[in-house]
Amino acid sequence: SEYAKSPDFDASNIEHVMSTLNIGEEQITKLDIN
């Protein structure tokens, strides 16, 4: 919630969200639920 409340948080852009959260592609947890 600390990030989500920020006035400059742009949720429509996943790249911006990941940058704001300081998460790189290599840190994404990937699961196949099939």
PDB file of all heavy atoms in Angstrom:
ATOM      1  N   SER A   1       0.810  -1.219   0.000  1.00  0.00           N
ATOM      2  CA  SER A   1       0.000   0.000   0.000  1.00  0.00           C
ATOM      3  C   SER A   1       0.845   1.271   0.000  1.00  0.00           C
ATOM      4  O   SER A   1       0.420   2.290  -0.519  1.00  0.00           O
ATOM      5  CB  SER A   1      -0.956   0.000   1.194  1.00  0.00           C
ATOM      6  OG  SER A   1      -0.227  -0.057   2.405  1.00  0.00           O
ATOM      7  N   GLU A   2       2.053   1.206   0.554  1.00  0.00           N
ATOM      8  CA  GLU A   2       2.916   2.392   0.576  1.00  0.00           C
ATOM      9  C   GLU A   2       3.219   2.888  -0.835  1.00  0.00           C
ATOM     10  O   GLU A   2       3.308   4.081  -1.075  1.00  0.00           O
ATOM     11  CB  GLU A   2       4.228   2.083   1.306  1.00  0.00           C
ATOM     12  CG  GLU A   2       4.040   1.684   2.749  1.00  0.00           C
ATOM     13  CD  GLU A   2       3.299   2.747   3.561  1.00  0.00           C
ATOM     14  OE1 GLU A   2       3.618   3.940   3.438  1.00  0.00           O
ATOM     15  OE2 GLU A   2       2.381   2.367   4.306  1.00  0.00           O
ATOM     16  N   TYR A   3       3.405   1.965  -1.775  1.00  0.00           N
ATOM     17  CA  TYR A   3       3.670   2.340  -3.163  1.00  0.00           C
ATOM     18  C   TYR A   3       2.384   2.739  -3.872  1.00  0.00           C
ATOM     19  O   TYR A   3       2.358   3.689  -4.645  1.00  0.00           O
ATOM     20  CB  TYR A   3       4.314   1.184  -3.932  1.00  0.00           C
ATOM     21  CG  TYR A   3       5.734   0.907  -3.550  1.00  0.00           C
ATOM     22  CD1 TYR A   3       6.068  -0.240  -2.847  1.00  0.00           C
ATOM     23  CD2 TYR A   3       6.758   1.779  -3.874  1.00  0.00           C
ATOM     24  CE1 TYR A   3       7.374  -0.512  -2.486  1.00  0.00           C
ATOM     25  CE2 TYR A   3       8.067   1.525  -3.523  1.00  0.00           C
ATOM     26  CZ  TYR A   3       8.367   0.371  -2.838  1.00  0.00           C
ATOM     27  OH  TYR A   3       9.659   0.108  -2.481  1.00  0.00           O
ATOM     28  N   ALA A   4       1.326   1.979  -3.642  1.00  0.00           N
ATOM     29  CA  ALA A   4       0.067   2.203  -4.357  1.00  0.00           C
ATOM     30  C   ALA A   4      -0.520   3.576  -4.059  1.00  0.00           C
ATOM     31  O   ALA A   4      -1.240   4.136  -4.873  1.00  0.00           O
ATOM     32  CB  ALA A   4      -0.938   1.107  -4.016  1.00  0.00           C
ATOM     33  N   LYS A   5      -0.215   4.137  -2.870  1.00  0.00           N
ATOM     34  CA  LYS A   5      -0.756   5.444  -2.491  1.00  0.00           C
ATOM     35  C   LYS A   5       0.005   6.609  -3.118  1.00  0.00           C
ATOM     36  O   LYS A   5      -0.453   7.736  -3.085  1.00  0.00           O
ATOM     37  CB  LYS A   5      -0.738   5.599  -0.964  1.00  0.00           C
ATOM     38  CG  LYS A   5      -1.742   4.728  -0.253  1.00  0.00           C
ATOM     39  CD  LYS A   5      -1.835   5.099   1.202  1.00  0.00           C
ATOM     40  CE  LYS A   5      -0.958   4.210   2.024  1.00  0.00           C
ATOM     41  NZ  LYS A   5      -1.040   4.440   3.455  1.00  0.00           N
ATOM     42  N   SER A   6       1.169   6.328  -3.679  1.00  0.00           N
ATOM     43  CA  SER A   6       2.006   7.387  -4.245  1.00  0.00           C
ATOM     44  C   SER A   6       1.305   8.046  -5.432  1.00  0.00           C
ATOM     45  O   SER A   6       0.788   7.357  -6.317  1.00  0.00           O
ATOM     46  CB  SER A   6       3.340   6.799  -4.694  1.00  0.00           C
ATOM     47  OG  SER A   6       4.093   7.759  -5.386  1.00  0.00           O
ATOM     48  N   PRO A   7       1.293   9.385  -5.498  1.00  0.00           N
ATOM     49  CA  PRO A   7       0.584  10.069  -6.593  1.00  0.00           C
ATOM     50  C   PRO A   7       1.226   9.843  -7.967  1.00  0.00           C
ATOM     51  O   PRO A   7       0.559   9.969  -8.974  1.00  0.00           O
ATOM     52  CB  PRO A   7       0.646  11.546  -6.199  1.00  0.00           C
ATOM     53  CG  PRO A   7       1.738  11.656  -5.198  1.00  0.00           C
ATOM     54  CD  PRO A   7       1.870  10.315  -4.535  1.00  0.00           C
ATOM     55  N   ASP A   8       2.499   9.467  -8.032  1.00  0.00           N
ATOM     56  CA  ASP A   8       3.140   9.267  -9.326  1.00  0.00           C
ATOM     57  C   ASP A   8       3.235   7.786  -9.716  1.00  0.00           C
ATOM     58  O   ASP A   8       3.920   7.421 -10.648  1.00  0.00           O
ATOM     59  CB  ASP A   8       4.530   9.912  -9.353  1.00  0.00           C
ATOM     60  CG  ASP A   8       5.464   9.333  -8.299  1.00  0.00           C
ATOM     61  OD1 ASP A   8       4.984   8.729  -7.338  1.00  0.00           O
ATOM     62  OD2 ASP A   8       6.685   9.493  -8.459  1.00  0.00           O
ATOM     63  N   PHE A   9       2.488   6.930  -9.007  1.00  0.00           N
ATOM     64  CA  PHE A   9       2.485   5.497  -9.307  1.00  0.00           C
ATOM     65  C   PHE A   9       1.582   5.241 -10.501  1.00  0.00           C
ATOM     66  O   PHE A   9       0.394   5.521 -10.468  1.00  0.00           O
ATOM     67  CB  PHE A   9       2.005   4.706  -8.080  1.00  0.00           C
ATOM     68  CG  PHE A   9       2.077   3.222  -8.260  1.00  0.00           C
ATOM     69  CD1 PHE A   9       3.297   2.574  -8.229  1.00  0.00           C
ATOM     70  CD2 PHE A   9       0.933   2.480  -8.464  1.00  0.00           C
ATOM     71  CE1 PHE A   9       3.376   1.198  -8.398  1.00  0.00           C
ATOM     72  CE2 PHE A   9       0.996   1.106  -8.633  1.00  0.00           C
ATOM     73  CZ  PHE A   9       2.220   0.471  -8.598  1.00  0.00           C
ATOM     74  N   ASP A  10       2.151   4.707 -11.588  1.00  0.00           N
ATOM     75  CA  ASP A  10       1.409   4.451 -12.828  1.00  0.00           C
ATOM     76  C   ASP A  10       1.171   2.954 -12.976  1.00  0.00           C
ATOM     77  O   ASP A  10       2.021   2.226 -13.489  1.00  0.00           O
ATOM     78  CB  ASP A  10       2.194   4.987 -14.022  1.00  0.00           C
ATOM     79  CG  ASP A  10       1.494   4.740 -15.345  1.00  0.00           C
ATOM     80  OD1 ASP A  10       0.314   4.319 -15.349  1.00  0.00           O
ATOM     81  OD2 ASP A  10       2.127   4.963 -16.395  1.00  0.00           O
ATOM     82  N   ALA A  11       0.023   2.473 -12.521  1.00  0.00           N
ATOM     83  CA  ALA A  11      -0.292   1.049 -12.540  1.00  0.00           C
ATOM     84  C   ALA A  11      -0.572   0.537 -13.942  1.00  0.00           C
ATOM     85  O   ALA A  11      -0.519  -0.668 -14.181  1.00  0.00           O
ATOM     86  CB  ALA A  11      -1.496   0.772 -11.644  1.00  0.00           C
ATOM     87  N   SER A  12      -0.846   1.410 -14.896  1.00  0.00           N
ATOM     88  CA  SER A  12      -1.197   0.961 -16.244  1.00  0.00           C
ATOM     89  C   SER A  12       0.009   0.433 -17.013  1.00  0.00           C
ATOM     90  O   SER A  12      -0.141  -0.261 -18.004  1.00  0.00           O
ATOM     91  CB  SER A  12      -1.850   2.104 -17.033  1.00  0.00           C
ATOM     92  OG  SER A  12      -0.901   3.135 -17.261  1.00  0.00           O
ATOM     93  N   ASN A  13       1.209   0.736 -16.562  1.00  0.00           N
ATOM     94  CA  ASN A  13       2.429   0.342 -17.258  1.00  0.00           C
ATOM     95  C   ASN A  13       3.190  -0.652 -16.393  1.00  0.00           C
ATOM     96  O   ASN A  13       3.781  -0.267 -15.383  1.00  0.00           O
ATOM     97  CB  ASN A  13       3.267   1.593 -17.541  1.00  0.00           C
ATOM     98  CG  ASN A  13       4.532   1.286 -18.283  1.00  0.00           C
ATOM     99  OD1 ASN A  13       5.083   0.193 -18.224  1.00  0.00           O
ATOM    100  ND2 ASN A  13       5.023   2.289 -18.990  1.00  0.00           N
ATOM    101  N   ILE A  14       3.211  -1.920 -16.792  1.00  0.00           N
ATOM    102  CA  ILE A  14       3.865  -2.948 -15.974  1.00  0.00           C
ATOM    103  C   ILE A  14       5.358  -2.673 -15.808  1.00  0.00           C
ATOM    104  O   ILE A  14       5.932  -2.962 -14.756  1.00  0.00           O
ATOM    105  CB  ILE A  14       3.602  -4.368 -16.525  1.00  0.00           C
ATOM    106  CG1 ILE A  14       4.010  -5.419 -15.481  1.00  0.00           C
ATOM    107  CG2 ILE A  14       4.299  -4.580 -17.849  1.00  0.00           C
ATOM    108  CD1 ILE A  14       3.549  -6.820 -15.778  1.00  0.00           C
ATOM    109  N   GLU A  15       5.997  -2.095 -16.806  1.00  0.00           N
ATOM    110  CA  GLU A  15       7.428  -1.774 -16.689  1.00  0.00           C
ATOM    111  C   GLU A  15       7.655  -0.717 -15.605  1.00  0.00           C
ATOM    112  O   GLU A  15       8.605  -0.806 -14.834  1.00  0.00           O
ATOM    113  CB  GLU A  15       7.985  -1.297 -18.036  1.00  0.00           C
ATOM    114  CG  GLU A  15       7.891  -2.334 -19.142  1.00  0.00           C
ATOM    115  CD  GLU A  15       8.631  -3.626 -18.834  1.00  0.00           C
ATOM    116  OE1 GLU A  15       9.681  -3.583 -18.172  1.00  0.00           O
ATOM    117  OE2 GLU A  15       8.141  -4.694 -19.251  1.00  0.00           O
ATOM    118  N   HIS A  16       6.783   0.280 -15.552  1.00  0.00           N
ATOM    119  CA  HIS A  16       6.885   1.312 -14.511  1.00  0.00           C
ATOM    120  C   HIS A  16       6.643   0.703 -13.131  1.00  0.00           C
ATOM    121  O   HIS A  16       7.342   1.024 -12.169  1.00  0.00           O
ATOM    122  CB  HIS A  16       5.893   2.445 -14.774  1.00  0.00           C
ATOM    123  CG  HIS A  16       5.862   3.464 -13.687  1.00  0.00           C
ATOM    124  ND1 HIS A  16       6.824   4.442 -13.556  1.00  0.00           N
ATOM    125  CD2 HIS A  16       5.011   3.642 -12.647  1.00  0.00           C
ATOM    126  CE1 HIS A  16       6.560   5.173 -12.489  1.00  0.00           C
ATOM    127  NE2 HIS A  16       5.462   4.708 -11.921  1.00  0.00           N
ATOM    128  N   VAL A  17       5.654  -0.182 -13.031  1.00  0.00           N
ATOM    129  CA  VAL A  17       5.344  -0.825 -11.753  1.00  0.00           C
ATOM    130  C   VAL A  17       6.549  -1.612 -11.270  1.00  0.00           C
ATOM    131  O   VAL A  17       6.971  -1.499 -10.123  1.00  0.00           O
ATOM    132  CB  VAL A  17       4.102  -1.736 -11.882  1.00  0.00           C
ATOM    133  CG1 VAL A  17       3.918  -2.586 -10.640  1.00  0.00           C
ATOM    134  CG2 VAL A  17       2.859  -0.912 -12.154  1.00  0.00           C
ATOM    135  N   MET A  18       7.125  -2.422 -12.154  1.00  0.00           N
ATOM    136  CA  MET A  18       8.277  -3.238 -11.762  1.00  0.00           C
ATOM    137  C   MET A  18       9.476  -2.372 -11.407  1.00  0.00           C
ATOM    138  O   MET A  18      10.206  -2.668 -10.463  1.00  0.00           O
ATOM    139  CB  MET A  18       8.613  -4.230 -12.871  1.00  0.00           C
ATOM    140  CG  MET A  18       7.564  -5.329 -12.995  1.00  0.00           C
ATOM    141  SD  MET A  18       7.783  -6.465 -14.381  1.00  0.00           S
ATOM    142  CE  MET A  18       9.462  -6.995 -14.169  1.00  0.00           C
ATOM    143  N   SER A  19       9.670  -1.283 -12.125  1.00  0.00           N
ATOM    144  CA  SER A  19      10.765  -0.362 -11.811  1.00  0.00           C
ATOM    145  C   SER A  19      10.559   0.286 -10.448  1.00  0.00           C
ATOM    146  O   SER A  19      11.491   0.399  -9.650  1.00  0.00           O
ATOM    147  CB  SER A  19      10.856   0.708 -12.904  1.00  0.00           C
ATOM    148  OG  SER A  19      11.784   1.683 -12.557  1.00  0.00           O
ATOM    149  N   THR A  20       9.332   0.709 -10.168  1.00  0.00           N
ATOM    150  CA  THR A  20       9.022   1.321  -8.877  1.00  0.00           C
ATOM    151  C   THR A  20       9.257   0.345  -7.734  1.00  0.00           C
ATOM    152  O   THR A  20       9.775   0.707  -6.682  1.00  0.00           O
ATOM    153  CB  THR A  20       7.558   1.808  -8.850  1.00  0.00           C
ATOM    154  OG1 THR A  20       7.380   2.770  -9.896  1.00  0.00           O
ATOM    155  CG2 THR A  20       7.205   2.440  -7.513  1.00  0.00           C
ATOM    156  N   LEU A  21       8.899  -0.915  -7.948  1.00  0.00           N
ATOM    157  CA  LEU A  21       9.079  -1.943  -6.925  1.00  0.00           C
ATOM    158  C   LEU A  21      10.507  -2.490  -6.898  1.00  0.00           C
ATOM    159  O   LEU A  21      10.836  -3.328  -6.072  1.00  0.00           O
ATOM    160  CB  LEU A  21       8.095  -3.093  -7.149  1.00  0.00           C
ATOM    161  CG  LEU A  21       6.619  -2.752  -6.995  1.00  0.00           C
ATOM    162  CD1 LEU A  21       5.758  -3.952  -7.377  1.00  0.00           C
ATOM    163  CD2 LEU A  21       6.310  -2.290  -5.587  1.00  0.00           C
ATOM    164  N   ASN A  22      11.329  -2.020  -7.849  1.00  0.00           N
ATOM    165  CA  ASN A  22      12.724  -2.453  -7.949  1.00  0.00           C
ATOM    166  C   ASN A  22      12.813  -3.959  -8.222  1.00  0.00           C
ATOM    167  O   ASN A  22      13.607  -4.675  -7.608  1.00  0.00           O
ATOM    168  CB  ASN A  22      13.497  -2.074  -6.690  1.00  0.00           C
ATOM    169  CG  ASN A  22      14.954  -1.803  -6.980  1.00  0.00           C
ATOM    170  OD1 ASN A  22      15.348  -1.727  -8.128  1.00  0.00           O
ATOM    171  ND2 ASN A  22      15.741  -1.680  -5.936  1.00  0.00           N
ATOM    172  N   ILE A  23      11.965  -4.436  -9.156  1.00  0.00           N
ATOM    173  CA  ILE A  23      11.917  -5.846  -9.516  1.00  0.00           C
ATOM    174  C   ILE A  23      12.332  -5.979 -10.976  1.00  0.00           C
ATOM    175  O   ILE A  23      11.742  -5.361 -11.855  1.00  0.00           O
ATOM    176  CB  ILE A  23      10.499  -6.426  -9.315  1.00  0.00           C
ATOM    177  CG1 ILE A  23      10.117  -6.371  -7.842  1.00  0.00           C
ATOM    178  CG2 ILE A  23      10.411  -7.859  -9.846  1.00  0.00           C
ATOM    179  CD1 ILE A  23       8.689  -6.772  -7.554  1.00  0.00           C
ATOM    180  N   GLY A  24      13.344  -6.790 -11.224  1.00  0.00           N
ATOM    181  CA  GLY A  24      13.795  -7.068 -12.588  1.00  0.00           C
ATOM    182  C   GLY A  24      13.155  -8.338 -13.124  1.00  0.00           C
ATOM    183  O   GLY A  24      12.573  -9.127 -12.377  1.00  0.00           O
ATOM    184  N   GLU A  25      13.273  -8.541 -14.422  1.00  0.00           N
ATOM    185  CA  GLU A  25      12.699  -9.732 -15.068  1.00  0.00           C
ATOM    186  C   GLU A  25      13.191 -11.014 -14.400  1.00  0.00           C
ATOM    187  O   GLU A  25      12.438 -11.973 -14.267  1.00  0.00           O
ATOM    188  CB  GLU A  25      13.055  -9.764 -16.557  1.00  0.00           C
ATOM    189  CG  GLU A  25      12.266  -8.805 -17.413  1.00  0.00           C
ATOM    190  CD  GLU A  25      10.819  -9.219 -17.607  1.00  0.00           C
ATOM    191  OE1 GLU A  25      10.535 -10.433 -17.686  1.00  0.00           O
ATOM    192  OE2 GLU A  25       9.960  -8.337 -17.678  1.00  0.00           O
ATOM    193  N   GLU A  26      14.447 -11.023 -13.987  1.00  0.00           N
ATOM    194  CA  GLU A  26      15.021 -12.231 -13.381  1.00  0.00           C
ATOM    195  C   GLU A  26      14.440 -12.531 -11.995  1.00  0.00           C
ATOM    196  O   GLU A  26      14.598 -13.631 -11.468  1.00  0.00           O
ATOM    197  CB  GLU A  26      16.547 -12.116 -13.294  1.00  0.00           C
ATOM    198  CG  GLU A  26      17.065 -11.095 -12.315  1.00  0.00           C
ATOM    199  CD  GLU A  26      16.979  -9.629 -12.786  1.00  0.00           C
ATOM    200  OE1 GLU A  26      16.661  -9.366 -13.955  1.00  0.00           O
ATOM    201  OE2 GLU A  26      17.241  -8.745 -11.947  1.00  0.00           O
ATOM    202  N   GLN A  27      13.750 -11.567 -11.393  1.00  0.00           N
ATOM    203  CA  GLN A  27      13.172 -11.757 -10.061  1.00  0.00           C
ATOM    204  C   GLN A  27      11.696 -12.182 -10.099  1.00  0.00           C
ATOM    205  O   GLN A  27      11.095 -12.392  -9.060  1.00  0.00           O
ATOM    206  CB  GLN A  27      13.292 -10.463  -9.252  1.00  0.00           C
ATOM    207  CG  GLN A  27      14.738 -10.092  -8.960  1.00  0.00           C
ATOM    208  CD  GLN A  27      14.838  -8.698  -8.383  1.00  0.00           C
ATOM    209  OE1 GLN A  27      14.541  -7.716  -9.060  1.00  0.00           O
ATOM    210  NE2 GLN A  27      15.239  -8.613  -7.135  1.00  0.00           N
ATOM    211  N   ILE A  28      11.136 -12.305 -11.293  1.00  0.00           N
ATOM    212  CA  ILE A  28       9.738 -12.711 -11.427  1.00  0.00           C
ATOM    213  C   ILE A  28       9.633 -14.206 -11.142  1.00  0.00           C
ATOM    214  O   ILE A  28      10.372 -15.012 -11.715  1.00  0.00           O
ATOM    215  CB  ILE A  28       9.201 -12.397 -12.829  1.00  0.00           C
ATOM    216  CG1 ILE A  28       9.203 -10.884 -13.059  1.00  0.00           C
ATOM    217  CG2 ILE A  28       7.801 -12.969 -13.023  1.00  0.00           C
ATOM    218  CD1 ILE A  28       8.841 -10.489 -14.461  1.00  0.00           C
ATOM    219  N   THR A  29       8.717 -14.567 -10.265  1.00  0.00           N
ATOM    220  CA  THR A  29       8.433 -15.973  -9.994  1.00  0.00           C
ATOM    221  C   THR A  29       7.548 -16.479 -11.115  1.00  0.00           C
ATOM    222  O   THR A  29       6.487 -15.910 -11.383  1.00  0.00           O
ATOM    223  CB  THR A  29       7.702 -16.122  -8.641  1.00  0.00           C
ATOM    224  OG1 THR A  29       8.507 -15.547  -7.620  1.00  0.00           O
ATOM    225  CG2 THR A  29       7.433 -17.579  -8.342  1.00  0.00           C
ATOM    226  N   LYS A  30       7.996 -17.540 -11.816  1.00  0.00           N
ATOM    227  CA  LYS A  30       7.247 -18.062 -12.969  1.00  0.00           C
ATOM    228  C   LYS A  30       6.737 -19.457 -12.654  1.00  0.00           C
ATOM    229  O   LYS A  30       7.491 -20.331 -12.249  1.00  0.00           O
ATOM    230  CB  LYS A  30       8.132 -18.077 -14.206  1.00  0.00           C
ATOM    231  CG  LYS A  30       8.558 -16.672 -14.616  1.00  0.00           C
ATOM    232  CD  LYS A  30       9.321 -16.638 -15.894  1.00  0.00           C
ATOM    233  CE  LYS A  30       9.674 -15.185 -16.212  1.00  0.00           C
ATOM    234  NZ  LYS A  30      10.233 -15.003 -17.521  1.00  0.00           N
ATOM    235  N   LEU A  31       5.419 -19.634 -12.847  1.00  0.00           N
ATOM    236  CA  LEU A  31       4.776 -20.907 -12.554  1.00  0.00           C
ATOM    237  C   LEU A  31       3.887 -21.327 -13.708  1.00  0.00           C
ATOM    238  O   LEU A  31       3.229 -20.496 -14.328  1.00  0.00           O
ATOM    239  CB  LEU A  31       3.893 -20.771 -11.304  1.00  0.00           C
ATOM    240  CG  LEU A  31       4.577 -20.336 -10.024  1.00  0.00           C
ATOM    241  CD1 LEU A  31       3.550 -19.977  -8.983  1.00  0.00           C
ATOM    242  CD2 LEU A  31       5.478 -21.442  -9.514  1.00  0.00           C
ATOM    243  N   ASP A  32       3.848 -22.612 -13.971  1.00  0.00           N
ATOM    244  CA  ASP A  32       2.920 -23.185 -14.949  1.00  0.00           C
ATOM    245  C   ASP A  32       1.931 -24.021 -14.153  1.00  0.00           C
ATOM    246  O   ASP A  32       2.316 -25.016 -13.536  1.00  0.00           O
ATOM    247  CB  ASP A  32       3.675 -24.032 -15.954  1.00  0.00           C
ATOM    248  CG  ASP A  32       2.788 -24.479 -17.119  1.00  0.00           C
ATOM    249  OD1 ASP A  32       1.541 -24.461 -16.979  1.00  0.00           O
ATOM    250  OD2 ASP A  32       3.341 -24.856 -18.162  1.00  0.00           O
ATOM    251  N   ILE A  33       0.653 -23.627 -14.145  1.00  0.00           N
ATOM    252  CA  ILE A  33      -0.334 -24.344 -13.338  1.00  0.00           C
ATOM    253  C   ILE A  33      -1.103 -25.391 -14.130  1.00  0.00           C
ATOM    254  O   ILE A  33      -2.080 -25.934 -13.657  1.00  0.00           O
ATOM    255  CB  ILE A  33      -1.310 -23.374 -12.615  1.00  0.00           C
ATOM    256  CG1 ILE A  33      -2.088 -22.507 -13.592  1.00  0.00           C
ATOM    257  CG2 ILE A  33      -0.549 -22.536 -11.620  1.00  0.00           C
ATOM    258  CD1 ILE A  33      -3.151 -21.657 -12.935  1.00  0.00           C
ATOM    259  N   ASN A  34      -0.676 -25.654 -15.345  1.00  0.00           N
ATOM    260  CA  ASN A  34      -1.295 -26.709 -16.152  1.00  0.00           C
ATOM    261  C   ASN A  34      -1.013 -28.061 -15.573  1.00  0.00           C
ATOM    262  O   ASN A  34      -0.045 -28.389 -15.052  1.00  0.00           O
ATOM    263  CB  ASN A  34      -0.778 -26.668 -17.590  1.00  0.00           C
ATOM    264  CG  ASN A  34      -1.824 -26.140 -18.533  1.00  0.00           C
ATOM    265  OD1 ASN A  34      -2.989 -26.091 -18.224  1.00  0.00           O
ATOM    266  ND2 ASN A  34      -1.366 -25.742 -19.692  1.00  0.00           N
TER     267      ASN A  34
END
